[in-house]
N, C-alpha and C. Protein backbone atom coordinates (compact mmCIF):
# COMPACT_ATOMS: atom_id res chain seq x y z
N MET A 1 0.85 -1.19 -0.01
CA MET A 1 0.00 0.02 0.03
C MET A 1 0.89 1.22 0.09
N PRO A 2 0.83 2.10 -1.03
CA PRO A 2 1.66 3.22 -1.10
C PRO A 2 1.17 4.26 -0.03
N THR A 3 2.03 4.91 0.68
CA THR A 3 1.66 5.82 1.61
C THR A 3 1.52 7.15 0.96
N ILE A 4 0.36 7.87 1.26
CA ILE A 4 0.07 9.13 0.65
C ILE A 4 0.34 10.18 1.74
N LEU A 5 0.10 9.88 3.02
CA LEU A 5 0.34 10.77 4.05
C LEU A 5 0.60 10.03 5.32
N ARG A 6 1.41 10.77 6.19
CA ARG A 6 1.67 10.31 7.60
C ARG A 6 1.44 11.47 8.45
N GLU A 7 0.57 11.12 9.48
CA GLU A 7 0.39 12.29 10.44
C GLU A 7 0.03 11.63 11.78
N LYS A 8 0.62 12.19 12.84
CA LYS A 8 0.28 11.72 14.26
C LYS A 8 0.41 10.14 14.29
N GLY A 9 1.40 9.67 13.57
CA GLY A 9 1.62 8.20 13.67
C GLY A 9 0.72 7.31 12.76
N TYR A 10 -0.27 7.99 12.12
CA TYR A 10 -1.06 7.19 11.18
C TYR A 10 -0.49 7.20 9.81
N ARG A 11 -0.62 5.91 9.21
CA ARG A 11 -0.21 5.83 7.88
C ARG A 11 -1.37 5.79 6.97
N ILE A 12 -1.49 6.64 6.01
CA ILE A 12 -2.71 6.84 5.19
C ILE A 12 -2.30 6.49 3.80
N GLY A 13 -3.10 5.63 3.11
CA GLY A 13 -2.80 5.33 1.69
C GLY A 13 -3.92 4.48 1.22
N PHE A 14 -3.70 3.90 -0.01
CA PHE A 14 -4.74 2.99 -0.75
C PHE A 14 -4.02 2.05 -1.43
N TYR A 15 -4.80 0.96 -1.70
CA TYR A 15 -4.27 -0.18 -2.67
C TYR A 15 -4.55 0.15 -4.01
N SER A 16 -3.65 -0.01 -4.86
CA SER A 16 -3.84 0.24 -6.28
C SER A 16 -4.74 -0.76 -6.89
N SER A 17 -4.93 -1.89 -6.21
CA SER A 17 -5.83 -3.03 -6.81
C SER A 17 -7.24 -2.76 -6.59
N GLU A 18 -7.72 -1.53 -6.05
CA GLU A 18 -8.98 -1.29 -5.76
C GLU A 18 -9.57 -0.16 -6.65
N PRO A 19 -9.19 -0.11 -7.93
CA PRO A 19 -9.68 1.08 -8.80
C PRO A 19 -11.07 1.12 -9.09
N ASP A 20 -11.85 0.08 -8.88
CA ASP A 20 -13.32 0.11 -9.24
C ASP A 20 -14.17 0.63 -8.12
N GLU A 21 -13.56 0.90 -6.92
CA GLU A 21 -14.36 1.47 -5.89
C GLU A 21 -14.26 2.94 -5.88
N PRO A 22 -15.18 3.61 -5.20
CA PRO A 22 -15.12 5.08 -5.09
C PRO A 22 -13.74 5.36 -4.29
N ALA A 23 -13.42 6.66 -4.37
CA ALA A 23 -12.26 7.21 -3.65
C ALA A 23 -12.30 6.92 -2.14
N HIS A 24 -11.23 6.32 -1.68
CA HIS A 24 -11.21 5.97 -0.31
C HIS A 24 -9.76 5.80 0.12
N VAL A 25 -9.46 5.79 1.50
CA VAL A 25 -8.12 5.61 2.00
C VAL A 25 -8.28 4.53 3.05
N HIS A 26 -7.06 3.88 3.32
CA HIS A 26 -6.95 2.98 4.42
C HIS A 26 -5.90 3.64 5.44
N VAL A 27 -6.24 3.54 6.77
CA VAL A 27 -5.49 4.18 7.70
C VAL A 27 -5.00 3.06 8.61
N GLN A 28 -3.68 3.03 8.95
CA GLN A 28 -3.10 2.00 9.74
C GLN A 28 -2.19 2.68 10.81
N LYS A 29 -2.24 2.02 11.96
CA LYS A 29 -1.31 2.36 12.99
C LYS A 29 -1.40 1.34 14.20
N ALA A 30 -0.25 0.84 14.59
CA ALA A 30 -0.18 -0.06 15.74
C ALA A 30 -0.93 -1.36 15.51
N GLY A 31 -1.07 -1.92 14.32
CA GLY A 31 -1.79 -3.06 13.97
C GLY A 31 -3.32 -2.83 13.83
N ASN A 32 -3.73 -1.61 13.86
CA ASN A 32 -5.15 -1.33 13.66
C ASN A 32 -5.27 -0.88 12.29
N GLU A 33 -6.49 -0.97 11.76
CA GLU A 33 -6.72 -0.49 10.28
C GLU A 33 -8.20 -0.07 10.22
N ALA A 34 -8.43 1.02 9.41
CA ALA A 34 -9.74 1.41 9.09
C ALA A 34 -9.76 1.92 7.72
N LYS A 35 -10.95 1.81 7.13
CA LYS A 35 -11.17 2.36 5.80
C LYS A 35 -12.20 3.44 5.82
N PHE A 36 -11.84 4.57 5.17
CA PHE A 36 -12.63 5.76 5.06
C PHE A 36 -12.83 6.14 3.64
N TRP A 37 -14.13 6.42 3.38
CA TRP A 37 -14.50 7.01 2.07
C TRP A 37 -14.23 8.42 2.04
N LEU A 38 -13.88 8.90 0.82
CA LEU A 38 -13.61 10.34 0.68
C LEU A 38 -14.80 11.01 -0.17
N ALA A 39 -15.00 12.25 0.09
CA ALA A 39 -16.01 13.04 -0.64
C ALA A 39 -17.48 12.53 -0.40
N PRO A 40 -17.90 12.69 0.71
CA PRO A 40 -17.50 13.16 1.89
C PRO A 40 -16.75 12.13 2.66
N VAL A 41 -15.94 12.54 3.64
CA VAL A 41 -15.12 11.61 4.52
C VAL A 41 -16.09 11.04 5.40
N GLN A 42 -16.07 9.67 5.47
CA GLN A 42 -16.92 8.85 6.42
C GLN A 42 -16.37 7.44 6.53
N LEU A 43 -16.49 6.83 7.68
CA LEU A 43 -16.01 5.59 8.06
C LEU A 43 -16.61 4.55 7.16
N SER A 44 -15.91 3.59 6.58
CA SER A 44 -16.42 2.42 5.94
C SER A 44 -16.40 1.26 6.96
N TRP A 45 -15.18 0.96 7.52
CA TRP A 45 -15.05 -0.17 8.51
C TRP A 45 -13.87 0.09 9.35
N ASN A 46 -13.85 -0.50 10.43
CA ASN A 46 -12.81 -0.33 11.50
C ASN A 46 -12.48 -1.61 12.14
N LYS A 47 -11.13 -1.79 12.21
CA LYS A 47 -10.59 -2.99 12.87
C LYS A 47 -9.61 -2.56 13.95
N GLY A 48 -9.97 -2.18 15.22
CA GLY A 48 -9.20 -2.04 16.31
C GLY A 48 -9.03 -0.52 16.86
N PHE A 49 -9.34 0.44 16.03
CA PHE A 49 -9.25 1.90 16.49
C PHE A 49 -10.41 2.19 17.60
N ARG A 50 -10.05 3.01 18.59
CA ARG A 50 -11.07 3.43 19.46
C ARG A 50 -11.88 4.65 18.88
N GLU A 51 -12.97 5.03 19.59
CA GLU A 51 -13.73 6.02 19.02
C GLU A 51 -12.96 7.38 18.95
N ALA A 52 -12.22 7.69 19.98
CA ALA A 52 -11.39 8.92 20.04
C ALA A 52 -10.37 8.92 18.89
N GLN A 53 -9.73 7.77 18.52
CA GLN A 53 -8.89 7.71 17.46
C GLN A 53 -9.49 7.92 16.16
N LEU A 54 -10.76 7.34 16.06
CA LEU A 54 -11.50 7.53 14.84
C LEU A 54 -11.87 8.95 14.44
N ARG A 55 -12.21 9.71 15.63
CA ARG A 55 -12.57 11.15 15.43
C ARG A 55 -11.28 11.95 15.11
N GLU A 56 -10.14 11.56 15.63
CA GLU A 56 -8.81 12.15 15.20
C GLU A 56 -8.53 11.91 13.77
N ILE A 57 -8.66 10.67 13.39
CA ILE A 57 -8.40 10.41 11.97
C ILE A 57 -9.45 11.12 11.09
N LEU A 58 -10.64 11.19 11.44
CA LEU A 58 -11.60 11.87 10.63
C LEU A 58 -11.22 13.37 10.35
N ARG A 59 -10.74 14.03 11.52
CA ARG A 59 -10.27 15.34 11.33
C ARG A 59 -9.07 15.58 10.43
N ILE A 60 -8.12 14.58 10.50
CA ILE A 60 -6.96 14.54 9.72
C ILE A 60 -7.33 14.39 8.17
N LEU A 61 -8.24 13.40 7.94
CA LEU A 61 -8.61 13.24 6.57
C LEU A 61 -9.33 14.36 5.95
N GLU A 62 -10.22 14.98 6.85
CA GLU A 62 -10.98 16.14 6.34
C GLU A 62 -10.02 17.29 5.99
N LYS A 63 -9.01 17.50 6.75
CA LYS A 63 -8.07 18.57 6.52
C LYS A 63 -7.26 18.38 5.30
N HIS A 64 -6.97 17.11 4.91
CA HIS A 64 -6.17 16.80 3.78
C HIS A 64 -6.97 16.08 2.62
N GLU A 65 -8.25 16.29 2.73
CA GLU A 65 -9.16 15.49 1.70
C GLU A 65 -8.86 15.90 0.19
N ALA A 66 -8.57 17.12 -0.11
CA ALA A 66 -8.31 17.47 -1.44
C ALA A 66 -6.99 16.81 -1.98
N LYS A 67 -5.92 16.74 -1.18
CA LYS A 67 -4.68 16.09 -1.46
C LYS A 67 -4.97 14.54 -1.67
N LEU A 68 -5.70 13.97 -0.81
CA LEU A 68 -5.94 12.50 -0.82
C LEU A 68 -6.81 12.24 -2.16
N ILE A 69 -7.83 13.05 -2.52
CA ILE A 69 -8.46 12.81 -3.69
C ILE A 69 -7.66 12.98 -4.96
N GLU A 70 -6.87 13.93 -5.00
CA GLU A 70 -5.91 14.23 -6.01
C GLU A 70 -4.97 12.95 -6.21
N ALA A 71 -4.42 12.43 -5.16
CA ALA A 71 -3.62 11.25 -5.25
C ALA A 71 -4.34 10.02 -5.82
N TRP A 72 -5.68 9.97 -5.40
CA TRP A 72 -6.52 8.86 -5.84
C TRP A 72 -6.66 8.87 -7.34
N ASN A 73 -6.99 10.19 -7.75
CA ASN A 73 -7.23 10.39 -9.19
C ASN A 73 -6.07 10.09 -10.13
N GLU A 74 -4.85 10.25 -9.53
CA GLU A 74 -3.62 10.11 -10.30
C GLU A 74 -3.33 8.58 -10.59
N THR A 75 -4.08 7.79 -9.87
CA THR A 75 -3.88 6.35 -10.16
C THR A 75 -4.86 5.85 -11.24
N GLU A 76 -5.84 6.58 -11.60
CA GLU A 76 -6.75 6.02 -12.50
C GLU A 76 -6.25 6.12 -13.98
């Protein structure tokens, strides 16, 4: 999974093998992972993150949403 962004220890990226899905990112940290849809940013699924962490991730993704969507579109 190419890393698009790192912030507060979170690794944010996407798998190039998922081009048929709408724009989204995977977020990883300390063995936990979550998937968030972009435009608008919303949680798809979560494996291990606590609610406070999910709120923090949501704020990070909203702040960088344009950059993340741009990176997604470059892979198409």
